[in-house]
Amino acid sequence: IILAIPFGAAGQLAGLFASVPAETV
């Protein structure tokens, strides 16, 4: 998963990553 968003917006996606497996880069 590549994040290509403004730095300040990254925190808004925290819930989205809650179910991402640890081995996902």
PDB file of all heavy atoms in Angstrom:
ATOM      1  N   ILE A   1       0.871  -1.175   0.000  1.00  0.00           N
ATOM      2  CA  ILE A   1       0.000   0.000   0.000  1.00  0.00           C
ATOM      3  C   ILE A   1       0.910   1.227   0.000  1.00  0.00           C
ATOM      4  O   ILE A   1       1.786   1.349   0.856  1.00  0.00           O
ATOM      5  CB  ILE A   1      -0.918   0.026   1.228  1.00  0.00           C
ATOM      6  CG1 ILE A   1      -1.801  -1.226   1.256  1.00  0.00           C
ATOM      7  CG2 ILE A   1      -1.772   1.292   1.229  1.00  0.00           C
ATOM      8  CD1 ILE A   1      -2.514  -1.443   2.568  1.00  0.00           C
ATOM      9  N   ILE A   2       0.691   2.098  -0.960  1.00  0.00           N
ATOM     10  CA  ILE A   2       1.488   3.318  -1.066  1.00  0.00           C
ATOM     11  C   ILE A   2       0.593   4.507  -0.730  1.00  0.00           C
ATOM     12  O   ILE A   2      -0.448   4.700  -1.353  1.00  0.00           O
ATOM     13  CB  ILE A   2       2.066   3.484  -2.485  1.00  0.00           C
ATOM     14  CG1 ILE A   2       2.952   2.289  -2.835  1.00  0.00           C
ATOM     15  CG2 ILE A   2       2.831   4.806  -2.594  1.00  0.00           C
ATOM     16  CD1 ILE A   2       3.409   2.257  -4.285  1.00  0.00           C
ATOM     17  N   LEU A   3       1.008   5.275   0.262  1.00  0.00           N
ATOM     18  CA  LEU A   3       0.301   6.507   0.604  1.00  0.00           C
ATOM     19  C   LEU A   3       0.923   7.655  -0.156  1.00  0.00           C
ATOM     20  O   LEU A   3       2.122   7.927  -0.022  1.00  0.00           O
ATOM     21  CB  LEU A   3       0.407   6.799   2.101  1.00  0.00           C
ATOM     22  CG  LEU A   3      -0.352   5.882   3.034  1.00  0.00           C
ATOM     23  CD1 LEU A   3      -0.047   6.252   4.479  1.00  0.00           C
ATOM     24  CD2 LEU A   3      -1.832   5.968   2.775  1.00  0.00           C
ATOM     25  N   ALA A   4       0.140   8.316  -0.959  1.00  0.00           N
ATOM     26  CA  ALA A   4       0.600   9.467  -1.729  1.00  0.00           C
ATOM     27  C   ALA A   4      -0.391  10.606  -1.487  1.00  0.00           C
ATOM     28  O   ALA A   4      -1.058  11.082  -2.394  1.00  0.00           O
ATOM     29  CB  ALA A   4       0.702   9.125  -3.207  1.00  0.00           C
ATOM     30  N   ILE A   5      -0.479  10.977  -0.213  1.00  0.00           N
ATOM     31  CA  ILE A   5      -1.439  11.988   0.213  1.00  0.00           C
ATOM     32  C   ILE A   5      -0.697  13.068   0.988  1.00  0.00           C
ATOM     33  O   ILE A   5       0.434  12.866   1.424  1.00  0.00           O
ATOM     34  CB  ILE A   5      -2.547  11.357   1.090  1.00  0.00           C
ATOM     35  CG1 ILE A   5      -1.941  10.677   2.323  1.00  0.00           C
ATOM     36  CG2 ILE A   5      -3.374  10.374   0.274  1.00  0.00           C
ATOM     37  CD1 ILE A   5      -2.969  10.116   3.296  1.00  0.00           C
ATOM     38  N   PRO A   6      -1.328  14.225   1.195  1.00  0.00           N
ATOM     39  CA  PRO A   6      -0.675  15.264   1.992  1.00  0.00           C
ATOM     40  C   PRO A   6      -0.345  14.752   3.397  1.00  0.00           C
ATOM     41  O   PRO A   6      -1.118  13.987   3.991  1.00  0.00           O
ATOM     42  CB  PRO A   6      -1.718  16.380   2.054  1.00  0.00           C
ATOM     43  CG  PRO A   6      -2.559  16.168   0.842  1.00  0.00           C
ATOM     44  CD  PRO A   6      -2.602  14.674   0.648  1.00  0.00           C
ATOM     45  N   PHE A   7       0.790  15.150   3.928  1.00  0.00           N
ATOM     46  CA  PHE A   7       1.276  14.688   5.221  1.00  0.00           C
ATOM     47  C   PHE A   7       0.209  14.824   6.309  1.00  0.00           C
ATOM     48  O   PHE A   7      -0.011  13.904   7.087  1.00  0.00           O
ATOM     49  CB  PHE A   7       2.538  15.459   5.609  1.00  0.00           C
ATOM     50  CG  PHE A   7       3.101  15.058   6.933  1.00  0.00           C
ATOM     51  CD1 PHE A   7       3.774  13.860   7.080  1.00  0.00           C
ATOM     52  CD2 PHE A   7       2.950  15.877   8.044  1.00  0.00           C
ATOM     53  CE1 PHE A   7       4.295  13.481   8.304  1.00  0.00           C
ATOM     54  CE2 PHE A   7       3.467  15.509   9.264  1.00  0.00           C
ATOM     55  CZ  PHE A   7       4.140  14.304   9.398  1.00  0.00           C
ATOM     56  N   GLY A   8      -0.458  15.931   6.367  1.00  0.00           N
ATOM     57  CA  GLY A   8      -1.452  16.186   7.407  1.00  0.00           C
ATOM     58  C   GLY A   8      -2.686  15.315   7.332  1.00  0.00           C
ATOM     59  O   GLY A   8      -3.427  15.181   8.303  1.00  0.00           O
ATOM     60  N   ALA A   9      -2.932  14.681   6.201  1.00  0.00           N
ATOM     61  CA  ALA A   9      -4.124  13.849   6.030  1.00  0.00           C
ATOM     62  C   ALA A   9      -3.910  12.395   6.452  1.00  0.00           C
ATOM     63  O   ALA A   9      -4.866  11.650   6.598  1.00  0.00           O
ATOM     64  CB  ALA A   9      -4.575  13.898   4.572  1.00  0.00           C
ATOM     65  N   ALA A  10      -2.681  11.991   6.663  1.00  0.00           N
ATOM     66  CA  ALA A  10      -2.381  10.594   6.970  1.00  0.00           C
ATOM     67  C   ALA A  10      -3.086  10.102   8.231  1.00  0.00           C
ATOM     68  O   ALA A  10      -3.569   8.968   8.280  1.00  0.00           O
ATOM     69  CB  ALA A  10      -0.876  10.383   7.085  1.00  0.00           C
ATOM     70  N   GLY A  11      -3.181  10.913   9.241  1.00  0.00           N
ATOM     71  CA  GLY A  11      -3.827  10.518  10.483  1.00  0.00           C
ATOM     72  C   GLY A  11      -5.295  10.178  10.316  1.00  0.00           C
ATOM     73  O   GLY A  11      -5.842   9.375  11.077  1.00  0.00           O
ATOM     74  N   GLN A  12      -5.929  10.739   9.321  1.00  0.00           N
ATOM     75  CA  GLN A  12      -7.342  10.475   9.067  1.00  0.00           C
ATOM     76  C   GLN A  12      -7.582   9.059   8.547  1.00  0.00           C
ATOM     77  O   GLN A  12      -8.709   8.587   8.535  1.00  0.00           O
ATOM     78  CB  GLN A  12      -7.895  11.491   8.069  1.00  0.00           C
ATOM     79  CG  GLN A  12      -7.821  12.912   8.571  1.00  0.00           C
ATOM     80  CD  GLN A  12      -8.147  13.917   7.488  1.00  0.00           C
ATOM     81  OE1 GLN A  12      -8.436  13.563   6.346  1.00  0.00           O
ATOM     82  NE2 GLN A  12      -8.081  15.187   7.831  1.00  0.00           N
ATOM     83  N   LEU A  13      -6.522   8.389   8.119  1.00  0.00           N
ATOM     84  CA  LEU A  13      -6.656   7.043   7.570  1.00  0.00           C
ATOM     85  C   LEU A  13      -6.300   5.940   8.568  1.00  0.00           C
ATOM     86  O   LEU A  13      -6.268   4.769   8.210  1.00  0.00           O
ATOM     87  CB  LEU A  13      -5.782   6.896   6.324  1.00  0.00           C
ATOM     88  CG  LEU A  13      -6.110   7.826   5.163  1.00  0.00           C
ATOM     89  CD1 LEU A  13      -5.154   7.568   4.010  1.00  0.00           C
ATOM     90  CD2 LEU A  13      -7.546   7.665   4.721  1.00  0.00           C
ATOM     91  N   ALA A  14      -6.030   6.304   9.812  1.00  0.00           N
ATOM     92  CA  ALA A  14      -5.598   5.323  10.814  1.00  0.00           C
ATOM     93  C   ALA A  14      -6.588   4.166  10.935  1.00  0.00           C
ATOM     94  O   ALA A  14      -6.193   3.001  10.989  1.00  0.00           O
ATOM     95  CB  ALA A  14      -5.392   6.002  12.159  1.00  0.00           C
ATOM     96  N   GLY A  15      -7.863   4.442  10.970  1.00  0.00           N
ATOM     97  CA  GLY A  15      -8.873   3.393  11.083  1.00  0.00           C
ATOM     98  C   GLY A  15      -8.878   2.454   9.894  1.00  0.00           C
ATOM     99  O   GLY A  15      -9.157   1.259  10.030  1.00  0.00           O
ATOM    100  N   LEU A  16      -8.546   2.964   8.736  1.00  0.00           N
ATOM    101  CA  LEU A  16      -8.495   2.163   7.518  1.00  0.00           C
ATOM    102  C   LEU A  16      -7.424   1.077   7.618  1.00  0.00           C
ATOM    103  O   LEU A  16      -7.592  -0.018   7.104  1.00  0.00           O
ATOM    104  CB  LEU A  16      -8.211   3.080   6.323  1.00  0.00           C
ATOM    105  CG  LEU A  16      -8.240   2.472   4.941  1.00  0.00           C
ATOM    106  CD1 LEU A  16      -9.648   2.021   4.591  1.00  0.00           C
ATOM    107  CD2 LEU A  16      -7.754   3.485   3.924  1.00  0.00           C
ATOM    108  N   PHE A  17      -6.348   1.372   8.328  1.00  0.00           N
ATOM    109  CA  PHE A  17      -5.233   0.438   8.426  1.00  0.00           C
ATOM    110  C   PHE A  17      -5.339  -0.534   9.601  1.00  0.00           C
ATOM    111  O   PHE A  17      -4.477  -1.387   9.773  1.00  0.00           O
ATOM    112  CB  PHE A  17      -3.914   1.211   8.493  1.00  0.00           C
ATOM    113  CG  PHE A  17      -3.526   1.786   7.173  1.00  0.00           C
ATOM    114  CD1 PHE A  17      -3.958   3.036   6.789  1.00  0.00           C
ATOM    115  CD2 PHE A  17      -2.752   1.054   6.291  1.00  0.00           C
ATOM    116  CE1 PHE A  17      -3.625   3.563   5.554  1.00  0.00           C
ATOM    117  CE2 PHE A  17      -2.413   1.567   5.053  1.00  0.00           C
ATOM    118  CZ  PHE A  17      -2.843   2.823   4.686  1.00  0.00           C
ATOM    119  N   ALA A  18      -6.386  -0.448  10.387  1.00  0.00           N
ATOM    120  CA  ALA A  18      -6.538  -1.304  11.562  1.00  0.00           C
ATOM    121  C   ALA A  18      -6.576  -2.792  11.210  1.00  0.00           C
ATOM    122  O   ALA A  18      -6.106  -3.621  11.985  1.00  0.00           O
ATOM    123  CB  ALA A  18      -7.796  -0.915  12.332  1.00  0.00           C
ATOM    124  N   SER A  19      -7.083  -3.135  10.039  1.00  0.00           N
ATOM    125  CA  SER A  19      -7.211  -4.542   9.660  1.00  0.00           C
ATOM    126  C   SER A  19      -6.132  -5.006   8.674  1.00  0.00           C
ATOM    127  O   SER A  19      -6.196  -6.128   8.176  1.00  0.00           O
ATOM    128  CB  SER A  19      -8.587  -4.793   9.043  1.00  0.00           C
ATOM    129  OG  SER A  19      -8.724  -4.049   7.843  1.00  0.00           O
ATOM    130  N   VAL A  20      -5.165  -4.167   8.397  1.00  0.00           N
ATOM    131  CA  VAL A  20      -4.104  -4.525   7.449  1.00  0.00           C
ATOM    132  C   VAL A  20      -3.136  -5.499   8.131  1.00  0.00           C
ATOM    133  O   VAL A  20      -2.640  -5.224   9.216  1.00  0.00           O
ATOM    134  CB  VAL A  20      -3.354  -3.267   6.964  1.00  0.00           C
ATOM    135  CG1 VAL A  20      -2.145  -3.632   6.122  1.00  0.00           C
ATOM    136  CG2 VAL A  20      -4.291  -2.375   6.170  1.00  0.00           C
ATOM    137  N   PRO A  21      -2.862  -6.646   7.506  1.00  0.00           N
ATOM    138  CA  PRO A  21      -1.931  -7.611   8.106  1.00  0.00           C
ATOM    139  C   PRO A  21      -0.534  -7.019   8.287  1.00  0.00           C
ATOM    140  O   PRO A  21      -0.101  -6.159   7.522  1.00  0.00           O
ATOM    141  CB  PRO A  21      -1.890  -8.752   7.082  1.00  0.00           C
ATOM    142  CG  PRO A  21      -3.109  -8.580   6.239  1.00  0.00           C
ATOM    143  CD  PRO A  21      -3.421  -7.122   6.241  1.00  0.00           C
ATOM    144  N   ALA A  22       0.173  -7.506   9.290  1.00  0.00           N
ATOM    145  CA  ALA A  22       1.510  -7.005   9.610  1.00  0.00           C
ATOM    146  C   ALA A  22       2.491  -7.187   8.460  1.00  0.00           C
ATOM    147  O   ALA A  22       3.436  -6.411   8.318  1.00  0.00           O
ATOM    148  CB  ALA A  22       2.044  -7.680  10.863  1.00  0.00           C
ATOM    149  N   GLU A  23       2.303  -8.197   7.621  1.00  0.00           N
ATOM    150  CA  GLU A  23       3.239  -8.447   6.524  1.00  0.00           C
ATOM    151  C   GLU A  23       3.012  -7.543   5.302  1.00  0.00           C
ATOM    152  O   GLU A  23       3.805  -7.553   4.362  1.00  0.00           O
ATOM    153  CB  GLU A  23       3.213  -9.911   6.099  1.00  0.00           C
ATOM    154  CG  GLU A  23       1.897 -10.391   5.540  1.00  0.00           C
ATOM    155  CD  GLU A  23       0.937 -10.935   6.602  1.00  0.00           C
ATOM    156  OE1 GLU A  23       1.216 -10.835   7.805  1.00  0.00           O
ATOM    157  OE2 GLU A  23      -0.110 -11.459   6.209  1.00  0.00           O
ATOM    158  N   THR A  24       1.954  -6.741   5.311  1.00  0.00           N
ATOM    159  CA  THR A  24       1.703  -5.812   4.214  1.00  0.00           C
ATOM    160  C   THR A  24       2.706  -4.662   4.299  1.00  0.00           C
ATOM    161  O   THR A  24       2.870  -4.046   5.343  1.00  0.00           O
ATOM    162  CB  THR A  24       0.270  -5.256   4.281  1.00  0.00           C
ATOM    163  OG1 THR A  24      -0.647  -6.350   4.214  1.00  0.00           O
ATOM    164  CG2 THR A  24      -0.003  -4.310   3.122  1.00  0.00           C
ATOM    165  N   VAL A  25       3.359  -4.374   3.188  1.00  0.00           N
ATOM    166  CA  VAL A  25       4.329  -3.270   3.129  1.00  0.00           C
ATOM    167  C   VAL A  25       3.560  -1.971   2.898  1.00  0.00           C
ATOM    168  O   VAL A  25       2.753  -1.882   1.982  1.00  0.00           O
ATOM    169  CB  VAL A  25       5.349  -3.488   2.000  1.00  0.00           C
ATOM    170  CG1 VAL A  25       6.282  -2.297   1.865  1.00  0.00           C
ATOM    171  CG2 VAL A  25       6.124  -4.781   2.221  1.00  0.00           C
TER     172      VAL A  25
END
